Amino acid sequence: HMFLPYYAMEQMKNTTKSGKPLLERERTILDYSEHMRNGFFPLSP
């Protein structure tokens, strides 16, 4: 599932190394809204 970056990010939160959480902490460096891709139906297949 980790071939998708979003799944890789979530998997990092649920991965352990030697029985302990792999992550020390998380933070947001750039905070923007998710890009929304709304198609134009008359141009759709």
All heavy atoms as atom14 arrays in JSON, in Angstrom:
{
  "sequence": "HMFLPYYAMEQMKNTTKSGKPLLERERTILDYSEHMRNGFFPLSP",
  "atom14_mask": [
    [1, 1, 1, 1, 1, 1, 1, 1, 1, 1, 0, 0, 0, 0],
    [1, 1, 1, 1, 1, 1, 1, 1, 0, 0, 0, 0, 0, 0],
    [1, 1, 1, 1, 1, 1, 1, 1, 1, 1, 1, 0, 0, 0],
    [1, 1, 1, 1, 1, 1, 1, 1, 0, 0, 0, 0, 0, 0],
    [1, 1, 1, 1, 1, 1, 1, 0, 0, 0, 0, 0, 0, 0],
    [1, 1, 1, 1, 1, 1, 1, 1, 1, 1, 1, 1, 0, 0],
    [1, 1, 1, 1, 1, 1, 1, 1, 1, 1, 1, 1, 0, 0],
    [1, 1, 1, 1, 1, 0, 0, 0, 0, 0, 0, 0, 0, 0],
    [1, 1, 1, 1, 1, 1, 1, 1, 0, 0, 0, 0, 0, 0],
    [1, 1, 1, 1, 1, 1, 1, 1, 1, 0, 0, 0, 0, 0],
    [1, 1, 1, 1, 1, 1, 1, 1, 1, 0, 0, 0, 0, 0],
    [1, 1, 1, 1, 1, 1, 1, 1, 0, 0, 0, 0, 0, 0],
    [1, 1, 1, 1, 1, 1, 1, 1, 1, 0, 0, 0, 0, 0],
    [1, 1, 1, 1, 1, 1, 1, 1, 0, 0, 0, 0, 0, 0],
    [1, 1, 1, 1, 1, 1, 1, 0, 0, 0, 0, 0, 0, 0],
    [1, 1, 1, 1, 1, 1, 1, 0, 0, 0, 0, 0, 0, 0],
    [1, 1, 1, 1, 1, 1, 1, 1, 1, 0, 0, 0, 0, 0],
    [1, 1, 1, 1, 1, 1, 0, 0, 0, 0, 0, 0, 0, 0],
    [1, 1, 1, 1, 0, 0, 0, 0, 0, 0, 0, 0, 0, 0],
    [1, 1, 1, 1, 1, 1, 1, 1, 1, 0, 0, 0, 0, 0],
    [1, 1, 1, 1, 1, 1, 1, 0, 0, 0, 0, 0, 0, 0],
    [1, 1, 1, 1, 1, 1, 1, 1, 0, 0, 0, 0, 0, 0],
    [1, 1, 1, 1, 1, 1, 1, 1, 0, 0, 0, 0, 0, 0],
    [1, 1, 1, 1, 1, 1, 1, 1, 1, 0, 0, 0, 0, 0],
    [1, 1, 1, 1, 1, 1, 1, 1, 1, 1, 1, 0, 0, 0],
    [1, 1, 1, 1, 1, 1, 1, 1, 1, 0, 0, 0, 0, 0],
    [1, 1, 1, 1, 1, 1, 1, 1, 1, 1, 1, 0, 0, 0],
    [1, 1, 1, 1, 1, 1, 1, 0, 0, 0, 0, 0, 0, 0],
    [1, 1, 1, 1, 1, 1, 1, 1, 0, 0, 0, 0, 0, 0],
    [1, 1, 1, 1, 1, 1, 1, 1, 0, 0, 0, 0, 0, 0],
    [1, 1, 1, 1, 1, 1, 1, 1, 0, 0, 0, 0, 0, 0],
    [1, 1, 1, 1, 1, 1, 1, 1, 1, 1, 1, 1, 0, 0],
    [1, 1, 1, 1, 1, 1, 0, 0, 0, 0, 0, 0, 0, 0],
    [1, 1, 1, 1, 1, 1, 1, 1, 1, 0, 0, 0, 0, 0],
    [1, 1, 1, 1, 1, 1, 1, 1, 1, 1, 0, 0, 0, 0],
    [1, 1, 1, 1, 1, 1, 1, 1, 0, 0, 0, 0, 0, 0],
    [1, 1, 1, 1, 1, 1, 1, 1, 1, 1, 1, 0, 0, 0],
    [1, 1, 1, 1, 1, 1, 1, 1, 0, 0, 0, 0, 0, 0],
    [1, 1, 1, 1, 0, 0, 0, 0, 0, 0, 0, 0, 0, 0],
    [1, 1, 1, 1, 1, 1, 1, 1, 1, 1, 1, 0, 0, 0],
    [1, 1, 1, 1, 1, 1, 1, 1, 1, 1, 1, 0, 0, 0],
    [1, 1, 1, 1, 1, 1, 1, 0, 0, 0, 0, 0, 0, 0],
    [1, 1, 1, 1, 1, 1, 1, 1, 0, 0, 0, 0, 0, 0],
    [1, 1, 1, 1, 1, 1, 0, 0, 0, 0, 0, 0, 0, 0],
    [1, 1, 1, 1, 1, 1, 1, 0, 0, 0, 0, 0, 0, 0]
  ],
  "atom14_positions": [
    [[0.83, -1.21, 0.0], [0.0, 0.0, 0.0], [0.86, 1.26, 0.0], [0.4, 2.34, -0.37], [-0.92, 0.01, 1.23], [-2.17, -0.8, 1.07], [-2.15, -2.16, 0.92], [-3.49, -0.44, 1.05], [-3.4, -2.62, 0.81], [-4.22, -1.59, 0.88], [0.0, 0.0, 0.0], [0.0, 0.0, 0.0], [0.0, 0.0, 0.0], [0.0, 0.0, 0.0]],
    [[2.11, 1.12, 0.4], [2.99, 2.28, 0.54], [3.46, 2.83, -0.8], [4.2, 3.82, -0.83], [4.2, 1.92, 1.41], [3.86, 1.61, 2.85], [5.28, 1.08, 3.84], [6.21, 2.62, 3.94], [0.0, 0.0, 0.0], [0.0, 0.0, 0.0], [0.0, 0.0, 0.0], [0.0, 0.0, 0.0], [0.0, 0.0, 0.0], [0.0, 0.0, 0.0]],
    [[3.04, 2.23, -1.93], [3.41, 2.84, -3.21], [2.69, 4.17, -3.41], [3.09, 4.99, -4.25], [3.11, 1.88, -4.37], [1.7, 1.9, -4.9], [1.33, 2.75, -5.92], [0.73, 1.04, -4.37], [0.04, 2.76, -6.43], [-0.56, 1.04, -4.87], [-0.92, 1.9, -5.89], [0.0, 0.0, 0.0], [0.0, 0.0, 0.0], [0.0, 0.0, 0.0]],
    [[1.64, 4.42, -2.62], [0.98, 5.72, -2.62], [1.5, 6.54, -1.44], [1.45, 6.07, -0.3], [-0.54, 5.57, -2.53], [-1.22, 4.97, -3.76], [-2.71, 4.77, -3.48], [-1.02, 5.86, -4.98], [0.0, 0.0, 0.0], [0.0, 0.0, 0.0], [0.0, 0.0, 0.0], [0.0, 0.0, 0.0], [0.0, 0.0, 0.0], [0.0, 0.0, 0.0]],
    [[2.0, 7.76, -1.68], [2.59, 8.56, -0.59], [1.68, 8.78, 0.61], [2.15, 8.74, 1.75], [2.92, 9.89, -1.29], [3.21, 9.48, -2.71], [2.22, 8.39, -3.0], [0.0, 0.0, 0.0], [0.0, 0.0, 0.0], [0.0, 0.0, 0.0], [0.0, 0.0, 0.0], [0.0, 0.0, 0.0], [0.0, 0.0, 0.0], [0.0, 0.0, 0.0]],
    [[0.37, 8.98, 0.38], [-0.52, 9.21, 1.51], [-0.6, 7.97, 2.4], [-0.65, 8.06, 3.63], [-1.93, 9.58, 1.03], [-2.05, 10.98, 0.44], [-0.93, 11.66, -0.02], [-3.28, 11.6, 0.31], [-1.04, 12.93, -0.57], [-3.4, 12.87, -0.24], [-2.28, 13.52, -0.69], [-2.39, 14.78, -1.23], [0.0, 0.0, 0.0], [0.0, 0.0, 0.0]],
    [[-0.61, 6.8, 1.77], [-0.63, 5.56, 2.54], [0.71, 5.34, 3.24], [0.75, 4.81, 4.35], [-0.97, 4.38, 1.63], [-2.46, 4.18, 1.44], [-3.13, 4.83, 0.41], [-3.2, 3.37, 2.28], [-4.5, 4.67, 0.21], [-4.56, 3.18, 2.11], [-5.21, 3.84, 1.07], [-6.57, 3.69, 0.9], [0.0, 0.0, 0.0], [0.0, 0.0, 0.0]],
    [[1.81, 5.72, 2.57], [3.12, 5.6, 3.21], [3.19, 6.48, 4.46], [3.74, 6.06, 5.49], [4.21, 5.99, 2.21], [0.0, 0.0, 0.0], [0.0, 0.0, 0.0], [0.0, 0.0, 0.0], [0.0, 0.0, 0.0], [0.0, 0.0, 0.0], [0.0, 0.0, 0.0], [0.0, 0.0, 0.0], [0.0, 0.0, 0.0], [0.0, 0.0, 0.0]],
    [[2.64, 7.67, 4.38], [2.64, 8.58, 5.53], [1.84, 7.98, 6.7], [2.29, 8.01, 7.85], [2.04, 9.93, 5.13], [1.99, 10.96, 6.26], [1.36, 12.57, 5.71], [-0.34, 12.15, 5.29], [0.0, 0.0, 0.0], [0.0, 0.0, 0.0], [0.0, 0.0, 0.0], [0.0, 0.0, 0.0], [0.0, 0.0, 0.0], [0.0, 0.0, 0.0]],
    [[0.67, 7.42, 6.4], [-0.12, 6.8, 7.46], [0.55, 5.55, 8.01], [0.47, 5.25, 9.2], [-1.52, 6.45, 6.93], [-2.41, 7.65, 6.68], [-2.62, 8.47, 7.94], [-2.92, 7.88, 9.01], [-2.47, 9.71, 7.88], [0.0, 0.0, 0.0], [0.0, 0.0, 0.0], [0.0, 0.0, 0.0], [0.0, 0.0, 0.0], [0.0, 0.0, 0.0]],
    [[1.24, 4.82, 7.11], [1.91, 3.6, 7.55], [3.05, 3.92, 8.5], [3.33, 3.14, 9.44], [2.44, 2.82, 6.35], [2.98, 1.44, 6.69], [1.94, 0.57, 7.37], [0.88, 0.29, 6.83], [2.23, 0.14, 8.6], [0.0, 0.0, 0.0], [0.0, 0.0, 0.0], [0.0, 0.0, 0.0], [0.0, 0.0, 0.0], [0.0, 0.0, 0.0]],
    [[3.72, 5.05, 8.29], [4.8, 5.45, 9.19], [4.31, 5.59, 10.64], [5.02, 5.27, 11.59], [5.43, 6.77, 8.73], [6.28, 6.64, 7.49], [7.76, 5.67, 7.81], [8.62, 5.87, 6.25], [0.0, 0.0, 0.0], [0.0, 0.0, 0.0], [0.0, 0.0, 0.0], [0.0, 0.0, 0.0], [0.0, 0.0, 0.0], [0.0, 0.0, 0.0]],
    [[3.06, 6.04, 10.78], [2.49, 6.19, 12.11], [2.19, 4.84, 12.75], [2.01, 4.75, 13.97], [1.18, 6.99, 12.04], [1.32, 8.39, 11.45], [-0.06, 9.03, 11.33], [0.0, 10.35, 10.6], [-1.35, 10.96, 10.44], [0.0, 0.0, 0.0], [0.0, 0.0, 0.0], [0.0, 0.0, 0.0], [0.0, 0.0, 0.0], [0.0, 0.0, 0.0]],
    [[2.13, 3.8, 11.93], [1.74, 2.48, 12.41], [2.85, 1.46, 12.17], [2.59, 0.29, 11.93], [0.45, 2.04, 11.71], [-0.73, 2.89, 12.08], [-1.41, 2.63, 13.06], [-0.99, 3.93, 11.29], [0.0, 0.0, 0.0], [0.0, 0.0, 0.0], [0.0, 0.0, 0.0], [0.0, 0.0, 0.0], [0.0, 0.0, 0.0], [0.0, 0.0, 0.0]],
    [[4.08, 1.94, 12.22], [5.24, 1.07, 12.04], [6.1, 1.12, 13.3], [6.3, 2.19, 13.88], [6.07, 1.51, 10.82], [5.26, 1.4, 9.64], [7.31, 0.65, 10.65], [0.0, 0.0, 0.0], [0.0, 0.0, 0.0], [0.0, 0.0, 0.0], [0.0, 0.0, 0.0], [0.0, 0.0, 0.0], [0.0, 0.0, 0.0], [0.0, 0.0, 0.0]],
    [[6.59, -0.03, 13.69], [7.46, -0.09, 14.87], [8.84, -0.57, 14.47], [9.01, -1.28, 13.48], [6.89, -1.02, 15.95], [6.73, -2.34, 15.38], [5.55, -0.53, 16.46], [0.0, 0.0, 0.0], [0.0, 0.0, 0.0], [0.0, 0.0, 0.0], [0.0, 0.0, 0.0], [0.0, 0.0, 0.0], [0.0, 0.0, 0.0], [0.0, 0.0, 0.0]],
    [[9.83, -0.16, 15.29], [11.21, -0.63, 15.14], [11.66, -1.17, 16.49], [11.67, -0.45, 17.48], [12.13, 0.5, 14.68], [13.59, 0.05, 14.47], [14.44, 1.17, 13.9], [14.63, 2.28, 14.91], [15.47, 1.84, 16.06], [0.0, 0.0, 0.0], [0.0, 0.0, 0.0], [0.0, 0.0, 0.0], [0.0, 0.0, 0.0], [0.0, 0.0, 0.0]],
    [[11.93, -2.44, 16.5], [12.31, -3.12, 17.76], [11.22, -2.97, 18.81], [11.51, -2.77, 20.0], [13.65, -2.58, 18.27], [14.67, -2.78, 17.32], [0.0, 0.0, 0.0], [0.0, 0.0, 0.0], [0.0, 0.0, 0.0], [0.0, 0.0, 0.0], [0.0, 0.0, 0.0], [0.0, 0.0, 0.0], [0.0, 0.0, 0.0], [0.0, 0.0, 0.0]],
    [[9.96, -3.0, 18.38], [8.83, -2.95, 19.3], [8.42, -1.56, 19.74], [7.45, -1.4, 20.47], [0.0, 0.0, 0.0], [0.0, 0.0, 0.0], [0.0, 0.0, 0.0], [0.0, 0.0, 0.0], [0.0, 0.0, 0.0], [0.0, 0.0, 0.0], [0.0, 0.0, 0.0], [0.0, 0.0, 0.0], [0.0, 0.0, 0.0], [0.0, 0.0, 0.0]],
    [[9.13, -0.52, 19.28], [8.81, 0.86, 19.65], [8.38, 1.64, 18.41], [8.8, 1.32, 17.3], [10.03, 1.53, 20.3], [10.48, 0.88, 21.6], [11.7, 1.6, 22.16], [12.18, 0.94, 23.45], [13.37, 1.61, 24.02], [0.0, 0.0, 0.0], [0.0, 0.0, 0.0], [0.0, 0.0, 0.0], [0.0, 0.0, 0.0], [0.0, 0.0, 0.0]],
    [[7.55, 2.69, 18.59], [7.11, 3.47, 17.43], [8.3, 4.01, 16.63], [9.27, 4.5, 17.21], [6.3, 4.61, 18.05], [5.81, 4.06, 19.35], [6.92, 3.17, 19.84], [0.0, 0.0, 0.0], [0.0, 0.0, 0.0], [0.0, 0.0, 0.0], [0.0, 0.0, 0.0], [0.0, 0.0, 0.0], [0.0, 0.0, 0.0], [0.0, 0.0, 0.0]],
    [[8.2, 3.91, 15.33], [9.28, 4.39, 14.46], [9.39, 5.91, 14.48], [10.47, 6.47, 14.33], [9.04, 3.91, 13.03], [10.03, 4.37, 11.96], [11.42, 3.82, 12.25], [9.56, 3.93, 10.57], [0.0, 0.0, 0.0], [0.0, 0.0, 0.0], [0.0, 0.0, 0.0], [0.0, 0.0, 0.0], [0.0, 0.0, 0.0], [0.0, 0.0, 0.0]],
    [[8.24, 6.57, 14.68], [8.23, 8.03, 14.62], [8.5, 8.66, 15.98], [7.99, 8.21, 17.01], [6.89, 8.54, 14.09], [6.52, 8.16, 12.65], [5.26, 8.9, 12.23], [7.67, 8.45, 11.69], [0.0, 0.0, 0.0], [0.0, 0.0, 0.0], [0.0, 0.0, 0.0], [0.0, 0.0, 0.0], [0.0, 0.0, 0.0], [0.0, 0.0, 0.0]],
    [[9.27, 9.72, 15.94], [9.51, 10.51, 17.14], [8.45, 11.59, 17.28], [7.85, 11.78, 18.32], [10.9, 11.16, 17.06], [11.28, 12.01, 18.26], [12.66, 12.61, 18.09], [13.61, 11.87, 17.81], [12.77, 13.86, 18.22], [0.0, 0.0, 0.0], [0.0, 0.0, 0.0], [0.0, 0.0, 0.0], [0.0, 0.0, 0.0], [0.0, 0.0, 0.0]],
    [[8.19, 12.29, 16.16], [7.12, 13.29, 16.15], [6.82, 13.68, 14.7], [7.56, 13.33, 13.78], [7.48, 14.53, 16.97], [8.7, 15.29, 16.51], [9.06, 16.4, 17.5], [10.29, 17.09, 17.12], [10.33, 18.15, 16.32], [9.21, 18.63, 15.79], [11.49, 18.73, 16.04], [0.0, 0.0, 0.0], [0.0, 0.0, 0.0], [0.0, 0.0, 0.0]],
    [[5.74, 14.45, 14.52], [5.32, 14.91, 13.2], [5.09, 16.41, 13.24], [4.8, 16.99, 14.29], [4.02, 14.23, 12.78], [4.1, 12.72, 12.68], [2.74, 12.11, 12.33], [1.88, 12.06, 13.22], [2.55, 11.73, 11.18], [0.0, 0.0, 0.0], [0.0, 0.0, 0.0], [0.0, 0.0, 0.0], [0.0, 0.0, 0.0], [0.0, 0.0, 0.0]],
    [[5.2, 17.01, 12.08], [4.86, 18.44, 11.98], [4.52, 18.78, 10.54], [4.89, 18.05, 9.6], [6.01, 19.32, 12.47], [7.24, 19.35, 11.59], [8.38, 20.09, 12.28], [9.54, 20.22, 11.41], [9.9, 21.35, 10.81], [9.18, 22.45, 10.97], [10.98, 21.4, 10.04], [0.0, 0.0, 0.0], [0.0, 0.0, 0.0], [0.0, 0.0, 0.0]],
    [[3.81, 19.88, 10.37], [3.45, 20.37, 9.05], [4.4, 21.5, 8.67], [4.52, 22.48, 9.41], [2.0, 20.87, 9.01], [1.12, 19.78, 9.32], [1.63, 21.42, 7.65], [0.0, 0.0, 0.0], [0.0, 0.0, 0.0], [0.0, 0.0, 0.0], [0.0, 0.0, 0.0], [0.0, 0.0, 0.0], [0.0, 0.0, 0.0], [0.0, 0.0, 0.0]],
    [[5.05, 21.37, 7.54], [5.99, 22.4, 7.09], [5.29, 23.44, 6.24], [5.44, 24.63, 6.44], [7.14, 21.74, 6.3], [7.91, 20.79, 7.21], [8.08, 22.8, 5.73], [8.98, 19.99, 6.5], [0.0, 0.0, 0.0], [0.0, 0.0, 0.0], [0.0, 0.0, 0.0], [0.0, 0.0, 0.0], [0.0, 0.0, 0.0], [0.0, 0.0, 0.0]],
    [[4.52, 22.98, 5.26], [3.68, 23.87, 4.45], [2.23, 23.45, 4.65], [1.9, 22.27, 4.52], [4.04, 23.77, 2.96], [5.4, 24.3, 2.53], [5.59, 24.1, 1.02], [5.56, 25.78, 2.88], [0.0, 0.0, 0.0], [0.0, 0.0, 0.0], [0.0, 0.0, 0.0], [0.0, 0.0, 0.0], [0.0, 0.0, 0.0], [0.0, 0.0, 0.0]],
    [[1.39, 24.4, 4.96], [-0.01, 24.09, 5.26], [-0.92, 24.71, 4.21], [-1.23, 25.9, 4.28], [-0.37, 24.59, 6.65], [-1.71, 24.04, 7.13], [-2.24, 23.14, 6.46], [-2.21, 24.51, 8.17], [0.0, 0.0, 0.0], [0.0, 0.0, 0.0], [0.0, 0.0, 0.0], [0.0, 0.0, 0.0], [0.0, 0.0, 0.0], [0.0, 0.0, 0.0]],
    [[-1.3, 23.91, 3.22], [-2.22, 24.35, 2.18], [-3.37, 23.36, 2.1], [-3.27, 22.23, 2.55], [-1.53, 24.42, 0.81], [-0.5, 25.51, 0.68], [0.86, 25.2, 0.61], [-0.87, 26.85, 0.62], [1.83, 26.2, 0.49], [0.08, 27.85, 0.49], [1.42, 27.52, 0.43], [2.36, 28.51, 0.32], [0.0, 0.0, 0.0], [0.0, 0.0, 0.0]],
    [[-4.47, 23.81, 1.51], [-5.62, 22.93, 1.33], [-5.32, 21.9, 0.24], [-4.49, 22.13, -0.65], [-6.87, 23.74, 0.94], [-7.19, 24.67, 1.95], [0.0, 0.0, 0.0], [0.0, 0.0, 0.0], [0.0, 0.0, 0.0], [0.0, 0.0, 0.0], [0.0, 0.0, 0.0], [0.0, 0.0, 0.0], [0.0, 0.0, 0.0], [0.0, 0.0, 0.0]],
    [[-6.0, 20.77, 0.32], [-5.85, 19.72, -0.69], [-6.33, 20.25, -2.04], [-7.35, 20.94, -2.12], [-6.68, 18.5, -0.29], [-6.35, 17.24, -1.05], [-5.03, 16.62, -0.61], [-4.71, 16.64, 0.59], [-4.33, 16.11, -1.49], [0.0, 0.0, 0.0], [0.0, 0.0, 0.0], [0.0, 0.0, 0.0], [0.0, 0.0, 0.0], [0.0, 0.0, 0.0]],
    [[-5.58, 19.95, -3.09], [-6.0, 20.37, -4.43], [-7.24, 19.58, -4.85], [-7.25, 18.36, -4.79], [-4.87, 20.12, -5.43], [-3.81, 21.18, -5.4], [-3.15, 21.61, -6.52], [-3.29, 21.91, -4.38], [-2.27, 22.54, -6.2], [-2.34, 22.72, -4.9], [0.0, 0.0, 0.0], [0.0, 0.0, 0.0], [0.0, 0.0, 0.0], [0.0, 0.0, 0.0]],
    [[-8.26, 20.3, -5.28], [-9.48, 19.66, -5.75], [-9.49, 19.67, -7.28], [-9.29, 20.71, -7.9], [-10.72, 20.38, -5.21], [-10.79, 20.44, -3.69], [-10.8, 18.8, -2.91], [-12.39, 18.19, -3.47], [0.0, 0.0, 0.0], [0.0, 0.0, 0.0], [0.0, 0.0, 0.0], [0.0, 0.0, 0.0], [0.0, 0.0, 0.0], [0.0, 0.0, 0.0]],
    [[-9.71, 18.51, -7.88], [-9.73, 18.39, -9.34], [-11.16, 18.1, -9.79], [-11.61, 16.95, -9.77], [-8.77, 17.29, -9.8], [-7.32, 17.61, -9.58], [-6.41, 16.45, -9.96], [-6.56, 15.34, -9.03], [-5.92, 15.24, -7.89], [-5.1, 16.2, -7.5], [-6.1, 14.21, -7.09], [0.0, 0.0, 0.0], [0.0, 0.0, 0.0], [0.0, 0.0, 0.0]],
    [[-11.87, 19.14, -10.19], [-13.26, 19.0, -10.64], [-13.28, 19.03, -12.17], [-12.93, 20.03, -12.79], [-14.13, 20.14, -10.09], [-14.22, 20.07, -8.57], [-14.38, 18.99, -8.0], [-14.1, 21.21, -7.9], [0.0, 0.0, 0.0], [0.0, 0.0, 0.0], [0.0, 0.0, 0.0], [0.0, 0.0, 0.0], [0.0, 0.0, 0.0], [0.0, 0.0, 0.0]],
    [[-13.66, 17.91, -12.76], [-13.69, 17.83, -14.21], [-14.91, 18.52, -14.8], [-15.91, 18.75, -14.13], [0.0, 0.0, 0.0], [0.0, 0.0, 0.0], [0.0, 0.0, 0.0], [0.0, 0.0, 0.0], [0.0, 0.0, 0.0], [0.0, 0.0, 0.0], [0.0, 0.0, 0.0], [0.0, 0.0, 0.0], [0.0, 0.0, 0.0], [0.0, 0.0, 0.0]],
    [[-14.81, 18.85, -16.09], [-15.9, 19.47, -16.84], [-16.58, 18.36, -17.62], [-15.99, 17.77, -18.53], [-15.33, 20.55, -17.75], [-16.36, 21.32, -18.52], [-17.45, 21.89, -17.88], [-16.25, 21.47, -19.89], [-18.42, 22.59, -18.59], [-17.2, 22.18, -20.61], [-18.29, 22.74, -19.96], [0.0, 0.0, 0.0], [0.0, 0.0, 0.0], [0.0, 0.0, 0.0]],
    [[-17.83, 18.03, -17.26], [-18.49, 16.84, -17.8], [-18.52, 16.79, -19.32], [-18.27, 15.72, -19.9], [-19.91, 16.73, -17.24], [-20.63, 15.49, -17.7], [-20.25, 14.23, -17.25], [-21.68, 15.58, -18.61], [-20.9, 13.08, -17.68], [-22.34, 14.43, -19.04], [-21.94, 13.19, -18.58], [0.0, 0.0, 0.0], [0.0, 0.0, 0.0], [0.0, 0.0, 0.0]],
    [[-18.79, 17.9, -20.03], [-18.8, 17.81, -21.51], [-17.45, 17.43, -22.12], [-17.39, 17.11, -23.3], [-19.22, 19.22, -21.94], [-20.03, 19.73, -20.8], [-19.33, 19.19, -19.57], [0.0, 0.0, 0.0], [0.0, 0.0, 0.0], [0.0, 0.0, 0.0], [0.0, 0.0, 0.0], [0.0, 0.0, 0.0], [0.0, 0.0, 0.0], [0.0, 0.0, 0.0]],
    [[-16.38, 17.47, -21.35], [-15.08, 17.04, -21.85], [-14.7, 15.64, -21.36], [-13.62, 15.14, -21.68], [-13.99, 18.04, -21.42], [-14.12, 19.46, -21.96], [-12.99, 20.33, -21.42], [-14.1, 19.47, -23.49], [0.0, 0.0, 0.0], [0.0, 0.0, 0.0], [0.0, 0.0, 0.0], [0.0, 0.0, 0.0], [0.0, 0.0, 0.0], [0.0, 0.0, 0.0]],
    [[-15.57, 15.02, -20.61], [-15.24, 13.74, -19.98], [-15.49, 12.58, -20.94], [-16.29, 12.68, -21.89], [-16.09, 13.55, -18.72], [-17.45, 13.35, -19.06], [0.0, 0.0, 0.0], [0.0, 0.0, 0.0], [0.0, 0.0, 0.0], [0.0, 0.0, 0.0], [0.0, 0.0, 0.0], [0.0, 0.0, 0.0], [0.0, 0.0, 0.0], [0.0, 0.0, 0.0]],
    [[-14.85, 11.44, -20.71], [-15.08, 10.26, -21.58], [-16.51, 9.75, -21.52], [-17.05, 9.3, -22.54], [-14.09, 9.22, -21.06], [-13.71, 9.68, -19.68], [-13.81, 11.17, -19.7], [0.0, 0.0, 0.0], [0.0, 0.0, 0.0], [0.0, 0.0, 0.0], [0.0, 0.0, 0.0], [0.0, 0.0, 0.0], [0.0, 0.0, 0.0], [0.0, 0.0, 0.0]]
  ]
}
